[in-house]
Amino acid sequence: MGYKYLIVGSGMQGTACAFDLLRSLGTEEVLLADTSAAGLEAARRRLKSTRLKTVRADAAATRRLVSSFRWFK
């Protein structure tokens, strides 16, 4: 069993972070969250990994953000 990571933001930094984590053998899953569906789709196309999951979420809506990630265990 490997590590699971949550990255908030699918821009240049978030995508680069996801890229590095997905290269690691110890990474089981990377969850990339952003409000932008286009940004998430671009990251999916760039990273091309079955271990990458994406979700639309707004980091400013803290309560909703936390509740939407409770399944990420």
C-alpha atoms as a PDB file:
ATOM      1  CA  MET A   1       0.000   0.000   0.000  1.00  0.00           C
ATOM      2  CA  GLY A   2       1.404   3.377  -1.030  1.00  0.00           C
ATOM      3  CA  TYR A   3       0.798   6.991  -0.204  1.00  0.00           C
ATOM      4  CA  LYS A   4      -2.174   9.065  -1.346  1.00  0.00           C
ATOM      5  CA  TYR A   5      -1.740  12.789  -1.992  1.00  0.00           C
ATOM      6  CA  LEU A   6      -4.175  15.675  -2.353  1.00  0.00           C
ATOM      7  CA  ILE A   7      -3.075  18.692  -4.394  1.00  0.00           C
ATOM      8  CA  VAL A   8      -5.255  21.803  -4.466  1.00  0.00           C
ATOM      9  CA  GLY A   9      -4.779  23.609  -7.772  1.00  0.00           C
ATOM     10  CA  SER A  10      -4.229  22.221 -11.268  1.00  0.00           C
ATOM     11  CA  GLY A  11      -2.129  25.103 -12.588  1.00  0.00           C
ATOM     12  CA  MET A  12       1.561  24.916 -13.404  1.00  0.00           C
ATOM     13  CA  GLN A  13       2.680  24.250  -9.815  1.00  0.00           C
ATOM     14  CA  GLY A  14      -0.054  21.724  -9.024  1.00  0.00           C
ATOM     15  CA  THR A  15       0.537  19.812 -12.238  1.00  0.00           C
ATOM     16  CA  ALA A  16       4.320  19.806 -11.712  1.00  0.00           C
ATOM     17  CA  CYS A  17       3.843  18.538  -8.154  1.00  0.00           C
ATOM     18  CA  ALA A  18       1.498  15.794  -9.379  1.00  0.00           C
ATOM     19  CA  PHE A  19       4.027  14.828 -12.067  1.00  0.00           C
ATOM     20  CA  ASP A  20       6.791  14.388  -9.489  1.00  0.00           C
ATOM     21  CA  LEU A  21       4.568  12.417  -7.107  1.00  0.00           C
ATOM     22  CA  LEU A  22       3.303  10.132  -9.869  1.00  0.00           C
ATOM     23  CA  ARG A  23       6.911   9.267 -10.789  1.00  0.00           C
ATOM     24  CA  SER A  24       7.472   7.944  -7.272  1.00  0.00           C
ATOM     25  CA  LEU A  25       7.006   4.206  -6.812  1.00  0.00           C
ATOM     26  CA  GLY A  26       5.545   4.836  -3.340  1.00  0.00           C
ATOM     27  CA  THR A  27       2.596   6.830  -4.695  1.00  0.00           C
ATOM     28  CA  GLU A  28      -0.685   4.949  -4.828  1.00  0.00           C
ATOM     29  CA  GLU A  29      -2.905   7.861  -5.893  1.00  0.00           C
ATOM     30  CA  VAL A  30      -2.827  11.609  -6.503  1.00  0.00           C
ATOM     31  CA  LEU A  31      -6.052  13.584  -6.192  1.00  0.00           C
ATOM     32  CA  LEU A  32      -5.926  16.930  -7.996  1.00  0.00           C
ATOM     33  CA  ALA A  33      -8.615  19.456  -7.025  1.00  0.00           C
ATOM     34  CA  ASP A  34      -9.513  22.706  -8.768  1.00  0.00           C
ATOM     35  CA  THR A  35     -12.528  24.820  -9.672  1.00  0.00           C
ATOM     36  CA  SER A  36     -11.521  24.786 -13.334  1.00  0.00           C
ATOM     37  CA  ALA A  37     -12.772  21.827 -15.339  1.00  0.00           C
ATOM     38  CA  ALA A  38     -10.529  22.939 -18.214  1.00  0.00           C
ATOM     39  CA  GLY A  39      -7.487  23.017 -15.928  1.00  0.00           C
ATOM     40  CA  LEU A  40      -8.225  19.556 -14.609  1.00  0.00           C
ATOM     41  CA  GLU A  41      -8.706  18.185 -18.130  1.00  0.00           C
ATOM     42  CA  ALA A  42      -5.415  19.753 -19.264  1.00  0.00           C
ATOM     43  CA  ALA A  43      -3.618  18.148 -16.310  1.00  0.00           C
ATOM     44  CA  ARG A  44      -5.176  14.743 -17.125  1.00  0.00           C
ATOM     45  CA  ARG A  45      -4.009  15.031 -20.739  1.00  0.00           C
ATOM     46  CA  ARG A  46      -0.478  16.037 -19.690  1.00  0.00           C
ATOM     47  CA  LEU A  47       0.005  13.486 -16.936  1.00  0.00           C
ATOM     48  CA  LYS A  48      -1.698  10.438 -18.526  1.00  0.00           C
ATOM     49  CA  SER A  49      -1.743   8.308 -15.385  1.00  0.00           C
ATOM     50  CA  THR A  50      -4.319   5.867 -14.066  1.00  0.00           C
ATOM     51  CA  ARG A  51      -3.187   6.834 -10.545  1.00  0.00           C
ATOM     52  CA  LEU A  52      -4.359  10.437 -11.088  1.00  0.00           C
ATOM     53  CA  LYS A  53      -7.876  11.339  -9.947  1.00  0.00           C
ATOM     54  CA  THR A  54      -9.454  14.771 -10.338  1.00  0.00           C
ATOM     55  CA  VAL A  55     -12.297  16.584  -8.628  1.00  0.00           C
ATOM     56  CA  ARG A  56     -13.866  20.017  -9.051  1.00  0.00           C
ATOM     57  CA  ALA A  57     -13.653  21.813  -5.717  1.00  0.00           C
ATOM     58  CA  ASP A  58     -13.345  25.393  -4.432  1.00  0.00           C
ATOM     59  CA  ALA A  59     -10.632  25.876  -1.799  1.00  0.00           C
ATOM     60  CA  ALA A  60     -12.405  29.018  -0.574  1.00  0.00           C
ATOM     61  CA  ALA A  61     -15.423  26.947   0.514  1.00  0.00           C
ATOM     62  CA  THR A  62     -13.537  25.238   3.342  1.00  0.00           C
ATOM     63  CA  ARG A  63     -16.372  23.277   4.902  1.00  0.00           C
ATOM     64  CA  ARG A  64     -17.550  21.898   1.598  1.00  0.00           C
ATOM     65  CA  LEU A  65     -13.985  21.181   0.524  1.00  0.00           C
ATOM     66  CA  VAL A  66     -13.257  19.130   3.647  1.00  0.00           C
ATOM     67  CA  SER A  67     -16.492  17.150   3.388  1.00  0.00           C
ATOM     68  CA  SER A  68     -15.863  16.338  -0.269  1.00  0.00           C
ATOM     69  CA  PHE A  69     -12.522  14.726   0.613  1.00  0.00           C
ATOM     70  CA  ARG A  70     -13.673  12.513   3.461  1.00  0.00           C
ATOM     71  CA  TRP A  71     -13.785   9.547   1.055  1.00  0.00           C
ATOM     72  CA  PHE A  72     -10.079  10.083   0.227  1.00  0.00           C
ATOM     73  CA  LYS A  73      -8.547   7.676   2.756  1.00  0.00           C
END
